Each structure stands twice: as structure tokens, then as C-alpha cells.
mmCIF file of all heavy atoms, coordinates in Angstrom:
data_MODEL
# 
_entry.id   MODEL 
# 
loop_
_atom_site.group_PDB 
_atom_site.id 
_atom_site.type_symbol 
_atom_site.label_atom_id 
_atom_site.label_alt_id 
_atom_site.label_comp_id 
_atom_site.label_asym_id 
_atom_site.label_entity_id 
_atom_site.label_seq_id 
_atom_site.pdbx_PDB_ins_code 
_atom_site.Cartn_x 
_atom_site.Cartn_y 
_atom_site.Cartn_z 
_atom_site.occupancy 
_atom_site.B_iso_or_equiv 
_atom_site.pdbx_formal_charge 
_atom_site.auth_seq_id 
_atom_site.auth_comp_id 
_atom_site.auth_asym_id 
_atom_site.auth_atom_id 
_atom_site.pdbx_PDB_model_num 
ATOM 1   N N   . VAL A 1 1  ? -0.251  -9.519  5.802  1.00 0.00 ? 1  VAL A N   1 
ATOM 2   C CA  . VAL A 1 1  ? 1.199   -9.600  5.683  1.00 0.00 ? 1  VAL A CA  1 
ATOM 3   C C   . VAL A 1 1  ? 1.782   -8.195  5.698  1.00 0.00 ? 1  VAL A C   1 
ATOM 4   O O   . VAL A 1 1  ? 1.146   -7.236  5.229  1.00 0.00 ? 1  VAL A O   1 
ATOM 5   C CB  . VAL A 1 1  ? 1.614   -10.337 4.376  1.00 0.00 ? 1  VAL A CB  1 
ATOM 6   C CG1 . VAL A 1 1  ? 1.193   -9.538  3.150  1.00 0.00 ? 1  VAL A CG1 1 
ATOM 7   C CG2 . VAL A 1 1  ? 3.122   -10.581 4.346  1.00 0.00 ? 1  VAL A CG2 1 
ATOM 8   N N   . GLU A 1 2  ? 2.968   -8.070  6.259  1.00 0.00 ? 2  GLU A N   1 
ATOM 9   C CA  . GLU A 1 2  ? 3.697   -6.801  6.288  1.00 0.00 ? 2  GLU A CA  1 
ATOM 10  C C   . GLU A 1 2  ? 5.116   -7.050  5.798  1.00 0.00 ? 2  GLU A C   1 
ATOM 11  O O   . GLU A 1 2  ? 5.795   -7.968  6.269  1.00 0.00 ? 2  GLU A O   1 
ATOM 12  C CB  . GLU A 1 2  ? 3.739   -6.234  7.703  1.00 0.00 ? 2  GLU A CB  1 
ATOM 13  C CG  . GLU A 1 2  ? 4.545   -4.940  7.813  1.00 0.00 ? 2  GLU A CG  1 
ATOM 14  C CD  . GLU A 1 2  ? 4.730   -4.496  9.251  1.00 0.00 ? 2  GLU A CD  1 
ATOM 15  O OE1 . GLU A 1 2  ? 4.235   -5.197  10.162 1.00 0.00 ? 2  GLU A OE1 1 
ATOM 16  O OE2 . GLU A 1 2  ? 5.382   -3.455  9.465  1.00 0.00 ? 2  GLU A OE2 1 
ATOM 17  N N   . VAL A 1 3  ? 5.566   -6.256  4.835  1.00 0.00 ? 3  VAL A N   1 
ATOM 18  C CA  . VAL A 1 3  ? 6.933   -6.366  4.338  1.00 0.00 ? 3  VAL A CA  1 
ATOM 19  C C   . VAL A 1 3  ? 7.858   -5.632  5.296  1.00 0.00 ? 3  VAL A C   1 
ATOM 20  O O   . VAL A 1 3  ? 7.714   -4.415  5.505  1.00 0.00 ? 3  VAL A O   1 
ATOM 21  C CB  . VAL A 1 3  ? 7.065   -5.775  2.914  1.00 0.00 ? 3  VAL A CB  1 
ATOM 22  C CG1 . VAL A 1 3  ? 8.510   -5.902  2.431  1.00 0.00 ? 3  VAL A CG1 1 
ATOM 23  C CG2 . VAL A 1 3  ? 6.113   -6.474  1.944  1.00 0.00 ? 3  VAL A CG2 1 
ATOM 24  N N   . LEU A 1 4  ? 8.813   -6.344  5.866  1.00 0.00 ? 4  LEU A N   1 
ATOM 25  C CA  . LEU A 1 4  ? 9.792   -5.735  6.766  1.00 0.00 ? 4  LEU A CA  1 
ATOM 26  C C   . LEU A 1 4  ? 11.074  -5.365  6.031  1.00 0.00 ? 4  LEU A C   1 
ATOM 27  O O   . LEU A 1 4  ? 11.754  -4.402  6.401  1.00 0.00 ? 4  LEU A O   1 
ATOM 28  C CB  . LEU A 1 4  ? 10.102  -6.683  7.928  1.00 0.00 ? 4  LEU A CB  1 
ATOM 29  C CG  . LEU A 1 4  ? 8.908   -7.111  8.798  1.00 0.00 ? 4  LEU A CG  1 
ATOM 30  C CD1 . LEU A 1 4  ? 9.380   -8.012  9.937  1.00 0.00 ? 4  LEU A CD1 1 
ATOM 31  C CD2 . LEU A 1 4  ? 8.162   -5.901  9.339  1.00 0.00 ? 4  LEU A CD2 1 
ATOM 32  N N   . ALA A 1 5  ? 11.421  -6.111  5.008  1.00 0.00 ? 5  ALA A N   1 
ATOM 33  C CA  . ALA A 1 5  ? 12.632  -5.846  4.227  1.00 0.00 ? 5  ALA A CA  1 
ATOM 34  C C   . ALA A 1 5  ? 12.500  -6.525  2.866  1.00 0.00 ? 5  ALA A C   1 
ATOM 35  O O   . ALA A 1 5  ? 11.793  -7.545  2.744  1.00 0.00 ? 5  ALA A O   1 
ATOM 36  C CB  . ALA A 1 5  ? 13.878  -6.353  4.966  1.00 0.00 ? 5  ALA A CB  1 
ATOM 37  N N   . PRO A 1 6  ? 13.134  -5.935  1.837  1.00 0.00 ? 6  PRO A N   1 
ATOM 38  C CA  . PRO A 1 6  ? 13.932  -4.704  1.821  1.00 0.00 ? 6  PRO A CA  1 
ATOM 39  C C   . PRO A 1 6  ? 13.050  -3.460  1.892  1.00 0.00 ? 6  PRO A C   1 
ATOM 40  O O   . PRO A 1 6  ? 11.841  -3.533  1.628  1.00 0.00 ? 6  PRO A O   1 
ATOM 41  C CB  . PRO A 1 6  ? 14.665  -4.791  0.475  1.00 0.00 ? 6  PRO A CB  1 
ATOM 42  C CG  . PRO A 1 6  ? 13.744  -5.582  -0.401 1.00 0.00 ? 6  PRO A CG  1 
ATOM 43  C CD  . PRO A 1 6  ? 13.103  -6.590  0.497  1.00 0.00 ? 6  PRO A CD  1 
ATOM 44  N N   . THR A 1 7  ? 13.645  -2.342  2.208  1.00 0.00 ? 7  THR A N   1 
ATOM 45  C CA  . THR A 1 7  ? 12.874  -1.109  2.429  1.00 0.00 ? 7  THR A CA  1 
ATOM 46  C C   . THR A 1 7  ? 12.169  -0.641  1.160  1.00 0.00 ? 7  THR A C   1 
ATOM 47  O O   . THR A 1 7  ? 11.055  -0.130  1.227  1.00 0.00 ? 7  THR A O   1 
ATOM 48  C CB  . THR A 1 7  ? 13.794  -0.004  2.958  1.00 0.00 ? 7  THR A CB  1 
ATOM 49  O OG1 . THR A 1 7  ? 14.900  0.167   2.058  1.00 0.00 ? 7  THR A OG1 1 
ATOM 50  C CG2 . THR A 1 7  ? 14.326  -0.352  4.340  1.00 0.00 ? 7  THR A CG2 1 
ATOM 51  N N   . TRP A 1 8  ? 12.820  -0.812  -0.007 1.00 0.00 ? 8  TRP A N   1 
ATOM 52  C CA  . TRP A 1 8  ? 12.184  -0.340  -1.248 1.00 0.00 ? 8  TRP A CA  1 
ATOM 53  C C   . TRP A 1 8  ? 10.934  -1.150  -1.582 1.00 0.00 ? 8  TRP A C   1 
ATOM 54  O O   . TRP A 1 8  ? 9.947   -0.609  -2.095 1.00 0.00 ? 8  TRP A O   1 
ATOM 55  C CB  . TRP A 1 8  ? 13.172  -0.374  -2.416 1.00 0.00 ? 8  TRP A CB  1 
ATOM 56  C CG  . TRP A 1 8  ? 13.649  -1.745  -2.824 1.00 0.00 ? 8  TRP A CG  1 
ATOM 57  C CD1 . TRP A 1 8  ? 14.804  -2.360  -2.434 1.00 0.00 ? 8  TRP A CD1 1 
ATOM 58  C CD2 . TRP A 1 8  ? 12.976  -2.669  -3.687 1.00 0.00 ? 8  TRP A CD2 1 
ATOM 59  N NE1 . TRP A 1 8  ? 14.894  -3.618  -2.988 1.00 0.00 ? 8  TRP A NE1 1 
ATOM 60  C CE2 . TRP A 1 8  ? 13.795  -3.832  -3.777 1.00 0.00 ? 8  TRP A CE2 1 
ATOM 61  C CE3 . TRP A 1 8  ? 11.781  -2.643  -4.386 1.00 0.00 ? 8  TRP A CE3 1 
ATOM 62  C CZ2 . TRP A 1 8  ? 13.432  -4.948  -4.545 1.00 0.00 ? 8  TRP A CZ2 1 
ATOM 63  C CZ3 . TRP A 1 8  ? 11.412  -3.749  -5.150 1.00 0.00 ? 8  TRP A CZ3 1 
ATOM 64  C CH2 . TRP A 1 8  ? 12.240  -4.882  -5.224 1.00 0.00 ? 8  TRP A CH2 1 
ATOM 65  N N   . LEU A 1 9  ? 10.957  -2.457  -1.256 1.00 0.00 ? 9  LEU A N   1 
ATOM 66  C CA  . LEU A 1 9  ? 9.782   -3.290  -1.507 1.00 0.00 ? 9  LEU A CA  1 
ATOM 67  C C   . LEU A 1 9  ? 8.667   -2.932  -0.517 1.00 0.00 ? 9  LEU A C   1 
ATOM 68  O O   . LEU A 1 9  ? 7.486   -2.886  -0.886 1.00 0.00 ? 9  LEU A O   1 
ATOM 69  C CB  . LEU A 1 9  ? 10.154  -4.767  -1.391 1.00 0.00 ? 9  LEU A CB  1 
ATOM 70  C CG  . LEU A 1 9  ? 9.039   -5.775  -1.687 1.00 0.00 ? 9  LEU A CG  1 
ATOM 71  C CD1 . LEU A 1 9  ? 8.514   -5.609  -3.106 1.00 0.00 ? 9  LEU A CD1 1 
ATOM 72  C CD2 . LEU A 1 9  ? 9.537   -7.202  -1.481 1.00 0.00 ? 9  LEU A CD2 1 
ATOM 73  N N   . ARG A 1 10 ? 9.042   -2.661  0.717  1.00 0.00 ? 10 ARG A N   1 
ATOM 74  C CA  . ARG A 1 10 ? 8.059   -2.238  1.723  1.00 0.00 ? 10 ARG A CA  1 
ATOM 75  C C   . ARG A 1 10 ? 7.373   -0.947  1.276  1.00 0.00 ? 10 ARG A C   1 
ATOM 76  O O   . ARG A 1 10 ? 6.137   -0.833  1.345  1.00 0.00 ? 10 ARG A O   1 
ATOM 77  C CB  . ARG A 1 10 ? 8.754   -2.031  3.077  1.00 0.00 ? 10 ARG A CB  1 
ATOM 78  C CG  . ARG A 1 10 ? 7.826   -1.491  4.168  1.00 0.00 ? 10 ARG A CG  1 
ATOM 79  C CD  . ARG A 1 10 ? 8.607   -1.226  5.460  1.00 0.00 ? 10 ARG A CD  1 
ATOM 80  N NE  . ARG A 1 10 ? 7.744   -0.607  6.453  1.00 0.00 ? 10 ARG A NE  1 
ATOM 81  C CZ  . ARG A 1 10 ? 6.976   -1.266  7.307  1.00 0.00 ? 10 ARG A CZ  1 
ATOM 82  N NH1 . ARG A 1 10 ? 6.965   -2.588  7.285  1.00 0.00 ? 10 ARG A NH1 1 
ATOM 83  N NH2 . ARG A 1 10 ? 6.224   -0.628  8.184  1.00 0.00 ? 10 ARG A NH2 1 
ATOM 84  N N   . ALA A 1 11 ? 8.172   0.009   0.794  1.00 0.00 ? 11 ALA A N   1 
ATOM 85  C CA  . ALA A 1 11 ? 7.618   1.288   0.342  1.00 0.00 ? 11 ALA A CA  1 
ATOM 86  C C   . ALA A 1 11 ? 6.693   1.098   -0.852 1.00 0.00 ? 11 ALA A C   1 
ATOM 87  O O   . ALA A 1 11 ? 5.635   1.735   -0.942 1.00 0.00 ? 11 ALA A O   1 
ATOM 88  C CB  . ALA A 1 11 ? 8.752   2.252   0.005  1.00 0.00 ? 11 ALA A CB  1 
ATOM 89  N N   . GLN A 1 12 ? 7.080   0.215   -1.767 1.00 0.00 ? 12 GLN A N   1 
ATOM 90  C CA  . GLN A 1 12 ? 6.282   -0.003  -2.971 1.00 0.00 ? 12 GLN A CA  1 
ATOM 91  C C   . GLN A 1 12 ? 4.940   -0.653  -2.643 1.00 0.00 ? 12 GLN A C   1 
ATOM 92  O O   . GLN A 1 12 ? 3.889   -0.207  -3.121 1.00 0.00 ? 12 GLN A O   1 
ATOM 93  C CB  . GLN A 1 12 ? 7.055   -0.872  -3.962 1.00 0.00 ? 12 GLN A CB  1 
ATOM 94  C CG  . GLN A 1 12 ? 6.379   -1.024  -5.304 1.00 0.00 ? 12 GLN A CG  1 
ATOM 95  C CD  . GLN A 1 12 ? 7.285   -1.699  -6.323 1.00 0.00 ? 12 GLN A CD  1 
ATOM 96  O OE1 . GLN A 1 12 ? 8.400   -2.102  -6.026 1.00 0.00 ? 12 GLN A OE1 1 
ATOM 97  N NE2 . GLN A 1 12 ? 6.794   -1.822  -7.536 1.00 0.00 ? 12 GLN A NE2 1 
ATOM 98  N N   . ILE A 1 13 ? 4.965   -1.700  -1.816 1.00 0.00 ? 13 ILE A N   1 
ATOM 99  C CA  . ILE A 1 13 ? 3.720   -2.360  -1.435 1.00 0.00 ? 13 ILE A CA  1 
ATOM 100 C C   . ILE A 1 13 ? 2.855   -1.414  -0.604 1.00 0.00 ? 13 ILE A C   1 
ATOM 101 O O   . ILE A 1 13 ? 1.626   -1.343  -0.794 1.00 0.00 ? 13 ILE A O   1 
ATOM 102 C CB  . ILE A 1 13 ? 4.011   -3.649  -0.644 1.00 0.00 ? 13 ILE A CB  1 
ATOM 103 C CG1 . ILE A 1 13 ? 4.737   -4.675  -1.542 1.00 0.00 ? 13 ILE A CG1 1 
ATOM 104 C CG2 . ILE A 1 13 ? 2.719   -4.243  -0.089 1.00 0.00 ? 13 ILE A CG2 1 
ATOM 105 C CD1 . ILE A 1 13 ? 3.910   -5.178  -2.704 1.00 0.00 ? 13 ILE A CD1 1 
ATOM 106 N N   . GLY A 1 14 ? 3.478   -0.655  0.301  1.00 0.00 ? 14 GLY A N   1 
ATOM 107 C CA  . GLY A 1 14 ? 2.726   0.296   1.112  1.00 0.00 ? 14 GLY A CA  1 
ATOM 108 C C   . GLY A 1 14 ? 2.041   1.346   0.274  1.00 0.00 ? 14 GLY A C   1 
ATOM 109 O O   . GLY A 1 14 ? 0.875   1.703   0.517  1.00 0.00 ? 14 GLY A O   1 
ATOM 110 N N   . SER A 1 15 ? 2.736   1.858   -0.735 1.00 0.00 ? 15 SER A N   1 
ATOM 111 C CA  . SER A 1 15 ? 2.159   2.864   -1.627 1.00 0.00 ? 15 SER A CA  1 
ATOM 112 C C   . SER A 1 15 ? 0.964   2.299   -2.388 1.00 0.00 ? 15 SER A C   1 
ATOM 113 O O   . SER A 1 15 ? -0.068  2.967   -2.556 1.00 0.00 ? 15 SER A O   1 
ATOM 114 C CB  . SER A 1 15 ? 3.218   3.369   -2.601 1.00 0.00 ? 15 SER A CB  1 
ATOM 115 O OG  . SER A 1 15 ? 2.670   4.284   -3.520 1.00 0.00 ? 15 SER A OG  1 
ATOM 116 N N   . GLU A 1 16 ? 1.092   1.048   -2.844 1.00 0.00 ? 16 GLU A N   1 
ATOM 117 C CA  . GLU A 1 16 ? -0.007  0.410   -3.571 1.00 0.00 ? 16 GLU A CA  1 
ATOM 118 C C   . GLU A 1 16 ? -1.230  0.249   -2.673 1.00 0.00 ? 16 GLU A C   1 
ATOM 119 O O   . GLU A 1 16 ? -2.372  0.495   -3.102 1.00 0.00 ? 16 GLU A O   1 
ATOM 120 C CB  . GLU A 1 16 ? 0.425   -0.956  -4.099 1.00 0.00 ? 16 GLU A CB  1 
ATOM 121 C CG  . GLU A 1 16 ? 1.422   -0.891  -5.242 1.00 0.00 ? 16 GLU A CG  1 
ATOM 122 C CD  . GLU A 1 16 ? 1.805   -2.271  -5.720 1.00 0.00 ? 16 GLU A CD  1 
ATOM 123 O OE1 . GLU A 1 16 ? 1.281   -3.264  -5.163 1.00 0.00 ? 16 GLU A OE1 1 
ATOM 124 O OE2 . GLU A 1 16 ? 2.624   -2.362  -6.650 1.00 0.00 ? 16 GLU A OE2 1 
ATOM 125 N N   . LEU A 1 17 ? -1.015  -0.139  -1.425 1.00 0.00 ? 17 LEU A N   1 
ATOM 126 C CA  . LEU A 1 17 ? -2.126  -0.328  -0.497 1.00 0.00 ? 17 LEU A CA  1 
ATOM 127 C C   . LEU A 1 17 ? -2.805  1.004   -0.167 1.00 0.00 ? 17 LEU A C   1 
ATOM 128 O O   . LEU A 1 17 ? -4.032  1.068   -0.013 1.00 0.00 ? 17 LEU A O   1 
ATOM 129 C CB  . LEU A 1 17 ? -1.632  -0.999  0.782  1.00 0.00 ? 17 LEU A CB  1 
ATOM 130 C CG  . LEU A 1 17 ? -1.198  -2.469  0.639  1.00 0.00 ? 17 LEU A CG  1 
ATOM 131 C CD1 . LEU A 1 17 ? -0.609  -2.991  1.938  1.00 0.00 ? 17 LEU A CD1 1 
ATOM 132 C CD2 . LEU A 1 17 ? -2.384  -3.337  0.215  1.00 0.00 ? 17 LEU A CD2 1 
ATOM 133 N N   . GLN A 1 18 ? -2.011  2.069   -0.072 1.00 0.00 ? 18 GLN A N   1 
ATOM 134 C CA  . GLN A 1 18 ? -2.593  3.387   0.180  1.00 0.00 ? 18 GLN A CA  1 
ATOM 135 C C   . GLN A 1 18 ? -3.476  3.827   -0.980 1.00 0.00 ? 18 GLN A C   1 
ATOM 136 O O   . GLN A 1 18 ? -4.572  4.368   -0.768 1.00 0.00 ? 18 GLN A O   1 
ATOM 137 C CB  . GLN A 1 18 ? -1.478  4.407   0.430  1.00 0.00 ? 18 GLN A CB  1 
ATOM 138 C CG  . GLN A 1 18 ? -0.765  4.236   1.760  1.00 0.00 ? 18 GLN A CG  1 
ATOM 139 C CD  . GLN A 1 18 ? 0.427   5.166   1.910  1.00 0.00 ? 18 GLN A CD  1 
ATOM 140 O OE1 . GLN A 1 18 ? 0.745   5.931   1.001  1.00 0.00 ? 18 GLN A OE1 1 
ATOM 141 N NE2 . GLN A 1 18 ? 1.087   5.108   3.064  1.00 0.00 ? 18 GLN A NE2 1 
ATOM 142 N N   . ARG A 1 19 ? -3.011  3.582   -2.214 1.00 0.00 ? 19 ARG A N   1 
ATOM 143 C CA  . ARG A 1 19 ? -3.814  3.944   -3.381 1.00 0.00 ? 19 ARG A CA  1 
ATOM 144 C C   . ARG A 1 19 ? -5.090  3.104   -3.444 1.00 0.00 ? 19 ARG A C   1 
ATOM 145 O O   . ARG A 1 19 ? -6.161  3.601   -3.793 1.00 0.00 ? 19 ARG A O   1 
ATOM 146 C CB  . ARG A 1 19 ? -2.997  3.765   -4.672 1.00 0.00 ? 19 ARG A CB  1 
ATOM 147 C CG  . ARG A 1 19 ? -1.841  4.726   -4.801 1.00 0.00 ? 19 ARG A CG  1 
ATOM 148 C CD  . ARG A 1 19 ? -1.353  4.812   -6.237 1.00 0.00 ? 19 ARG A CD  1 
ATOM 149 N NE  . ARG A 1 19 ? -0.933  3.521   -6.758 1.00 0.00 ? 19 ARG A NE  1 
ATOM 150 C CZ  . ARG A 1 19 ? 0.311   3.052   -6.650 1.00 0.00 ? 19 ARG A CZ  1 
ATOM 151 N NH1 . ARG A 1 19 ? 1.243   3.773   -6.023 1.00 0.00 ? 19 ARG A NH1 1 
ATOM 152 N NH2 . ARG A 1 19 ? 0.629   1.872   -7.146 1.00 0.00 ? 19 ARG A NH2 1 
ATOM 153 N N   . ALA A 1 20 ? -4.956  1.833   -3.097 1.00 0.00 ? 20 ALA A N   1 
ATOM 154 C CA  . ALA A 1 20 ? -6.131  0.961   -3.094 1.00 0.00 ? 20 ALA A CA  1 
ATOM 155 C C   . ALA A 1 20 ? -7.140  1.426   -2.059 1.00 0.00 ? 20 ALA A C   1 
ATOM 156 O O   . ALA A 1 20 ? -8.352  1.473   -2.311 1.00 0.00 ? 20 ALA A O   1 
ATOM 157 C CB  . ALA A 1 20 ? -5.713  -0.479  -2.821 1.00 0.00 ? 20 ALA A CB  1 
ATOM 158 N N   . ALA A 1 21 ? -6.658  1.783   -0.853 1.00 0.00 ? 21 ALA A N   1 
ATOM 159 C CA  . ALA A 1 21 ? -7.548  2.257   0.194  1.00 0.00 ? 21 ALA A CA  1 
ATOM 160 C C   . ALA A 1 21 ? -8.253  3.548   -0.236 1.00 0.00 ? 21 ALA A C   1 
ATOM 161 O O   . ALA A 1 21 ? -9.443  3.730   0.040  1.00 0.00 ? 21 ALA A O   1 
ATOM 162 C CB  . ALA A 1 21 ? -6.753  2.482   1.486  1.00 0.00 ? 21 ALA A CB  1 
ATOM 163 N N   . ALA A 1 22 ? -7.520  4.413   -0.924 1.00 0.00 ? 22 ALA A N   1 
ATOM 164 C CA  . ALA A 1 22 ? -8.124  5.666   -1.396 1.00 0.00 ? 22 ALA A CA  1 
ATOM 165 C C   . ALA A 1 22 ? -9.208  5.387   -2.433 1.00 0.00 ? 22 ALA A C   1 
ATOM 166 O O   . ALA A 1 22 ? -10.266 6.050   -2.429 1.00 0.00 ? 22 ALA A O   1 
ATOM 167 C CB  . ALA A 1 22 ? -7.035  6.560   -1.991 1.00 0.00 ? 22 ALA A CB  1 
ATOM 168 N N   . GLN A 1 23 ? -8.977  4.413   -3.298 1.00 0.00 ? 23 GLN A N   1 
ATOM 169 C CA  . GLN A 1 23 ? -9.978  4.063   -4.306 1.00 0.00 ? 23 GLN A CA  1 
ATOM 170 C C   . GLN A 1 23 ? -11.249 3.550   -3.644 1.00 0.00 ? 23 GLN A C   1 
ATOM 171 O O   . GLN A 1 23 ? -12.370 3.912   -4.024 1.00 0.00 ? 23 GLN A O   1 
ATOM 172 C CB  . GLN A 1 23 ? -9.417  3.018   -5.258 1.00 0.00 ? 23 GLN A CB  1 
ATOM 173 C CG  . GLN A 1 23 ? -8.379  3.563   -6.228 1.00 0.00 ? 23 GLN A CG  1 
ATOM 174 C CD  . GLN A 1 23 ? -7.790  2.466   -7.112 1.00 0.00 ? 23 GLN A CD  1 
ATOM 175 O OE1 . GLN A 1 23 ? -7.965  1.302   -6.831 1.00 0.00 ? 23 GLN A OE1 1 
ATOM 176 N NE2 . GLN A 1 23 ? -7.114  2.865   -8.170 1.00 0.00 ? 23 GLN A NE2 1 
ATOM 177 N N   . TYR A 1 24 ? -11.097 2.699   -2.641 1.00 0.00 ? 24 TYR A N   1 
ATOM 178 C CA  . TYR A 1 24 ? -12.267 2.158   -1.961 1.00 0.00 ? 24 TYR A CA  1 
ATOM 179 C C   . TYR A 1 24 ? -13.010 3.256   -1.197 1.00 0.00 ? 24 TYR A C   1 
ATOM 180 O O   . TYR A 1 24 ? -14.243 3.272   -1.116 1.00 0.00 ? 24 TYR A O   1 
ATOM 181 C CB  . TYR A 1 24 ? -11.864 1.031   -1.008 1.00 0.00 ? 24 TYR A CB  1 
ATOM 182 C CG  . TYR A 1 24 ? -11.681 -0.293  -1.697 1.00 0.00 ? 24 TYR A CG  1 
ATOM 183 C CD1 . TYR A 1 24 ? -10.428 -0.725  -2.123 1.00 0.00 ? 24 TYR A CD1 1 
ATOM 184 C CD2 . TYR A 1 24 ? -12.767 -1.128  -1.949 1.00 0.00 ? 24 TYR A CD2 1 
ATOM 185 C CE1 . TYR A 1 24 ? -10.262 -1.946  -2.779 1.00 0.00 ? 24 TYR A CE1 1 
ATOM 186 C CE2 . TYR A 1 24 ? -12.616 -2.341  -2.580 1.00 0.00 ? 24 TYR A CE2 1 
ATOM 187 C CZ  . TYR A 1 24 ? -11.365 -2.739  -2.987 1.00 0.00 ? 24 TYR A CZ  1 
ATOM 188 O OH  . TYR A 1 24 ? -11.219 -3.948  -3.651 1.00 0.00 ? 24 TYR A OH  1 
ATOM 189 N N   . ALA A 1 25 ? -12.251 4.215   -0.643 1.00 0.00 ? 25 ALA A N   1 
ATOM 190 C CA  . ALA A 1 25 ? -12.882 5.315   0.080  1.00 0.00 ? 25 ALA A CA  1 
ATOM 191 C C   . ALA A 1 25 ? -13.696 6.173   -0.860 1.00 0.00 ? 25 ALA A C   1 
ATOM 192 O O   . ALA A 1 25 ? -14.809 6.624   -0.530 1.00 0.00 ? 25 ALA A O   1 
ATOM 193 C CB  . ALA A 1 25 ? -11.812 6.148   0.792  1.00 0.00 ? 25 ALA A CB  1 
ATOM 194 N N   . GLU A 1 26 ? -13.162 6.440   -2.057 1.00 0.00 ? 26 GLU A N   1 
ATOM 195 C CA  . GLU A 1 26 ? -13.873 7.246   -3.055 1.00 0.00 ? 26 GLU A CA  1 
ATOM 196 C C   . GLU A 1 26 ? -15.149 6.553   -3.522 1.00 0.00 ? 26 GLU A C   1 
ATOM 197 O O   . GLU A 1 26 ? -16.190 7.190   -3.696 1.00 0.00 ? 26 GLU A O   1 
ATOM 198 C CB  . GLU A 1 26 ? -12.957 7.529   -4.245 1.00 0.00 ? 26 GLU A CB  1 
ATOM 199 C CG  . GLU A 1 26 ? -11.795 8.441   -3.902 1.00 0.00 ? 26 GLU A CG  1 
ATOM 200 C CD  . GLU A 1 26 ? -10.826 8.588   -5.077 1.00 0.00 ? 26 GLU A CD  1 
ATOM 201 O OE1 . GLU A 1 26 ? -11.087 7.945   -6.108 1.00 0.00 ? 26 GLU A OE1 1 
ATOM 202 O OE2 . GLU A 1 26 ? -9.822  9.305   -4.941 1.00 0.00 ? 26 GLU A OE2 1 
ATOM 203 N N   . ARG A 1 27 ? -15.073 5.253   -3.743 1.00 0.00 ? 27 ARG A N   1 
ATOM 204 C CA  . ARG A 1 27 ? -16.236 4.501   -4.253 1.00 0.00 ? 27 ARG A CA  1 
ATOM 205 C C   . ARG A 1 27 ? -17.363 4.430   -3.218 1.00 0.00 ? 27 ARG A C   1 
ATOM 206 O O   . ARG A 1 27 ? -18.520 4.304   -3.559 1.00 0.00 ? 27 ARG A O   1 
ATOM 207 C CB  . ARG A 1 27 ? -15.825 3.080   -4.646 1.00 0.00 ? 27 ARG A CB  1 
ATOM 208 C CG  . ARG A 1 27 ? -14.813 3.023   -5.776 1.00 0.00 ? 27 ARG A CG  1 
ATOM 209 C CD  . ARG A 1 27 ? -15.449 3.340   -7.119 1.00 0.00 ? 27 ARG A CD  1 
ATOM 210 N NE  . ARG A 1 27 ? -14.440 3.347   -8.169 1.00 0.00 ? 27 ARG A NE  1 
ATOM 211 C CZ  . ARG A 1 27 ? -14.100 2.261   -8.868 1.00 0.00 ? 27 ARG A CZ  1 
ATOM 212 N NH1 . ARG A 1 27 ? -14.667 1.108   -8.586 1.00 0.00 ? 27 ARG A NH1 1 
ATOM 213 N NH2 . ARG A 1 27 ? -13.174 2.346   -9.818 1.00 0.00 ? 27 ARG A NH2 1 
ATOM 214 N N   . SER A 1 28 ? -16.991 4.494   -1.930 1.00 0.00 ? 28 SER A N   1 
ATOM 215 C CA  . SER A 1 28 ? -18.008 4.362   -0.880 1.00 0.00 ? 28 SER A CA  1 
ATOM 216 C C   . SER A 1 28 ? -18.782 5.658   -0.643 1.00 0.00 ? 28 SER A C   1 
ATOM 217 O O   . SER A 1 28 ? -19.801 5.659   0.037  1.00 0.00 ? 28 SER A O   1 
ATOM 218 C CB  . SER A 1 28 ? -17.359 3.912   0.427  1.00 0.00 ? 28 SER A CB  1 
ATOM 219 O OG  . SER A 1 28 ? -16.440 4.905   0.885  1.00 0.00 ? 28 SER A OG  1 
# 
């Protein structure tokens, strides 16, 4: 799923996914 609107919710979910991806990268 991709949030298209509102922009603040898109930014918030995107930021969370980036942090999650970084955590998985560190653990690997």
C-alpha cells in the first residue's frame, strides 16, 4: 500500500518504513 494523501500521513508512514528498513539492514 502507498499513502497518496494527506501529505502529512504519507510522510509519517514513509518515515516509519525507512526506520524499519534501516533496522532490518543493521540486523542482517
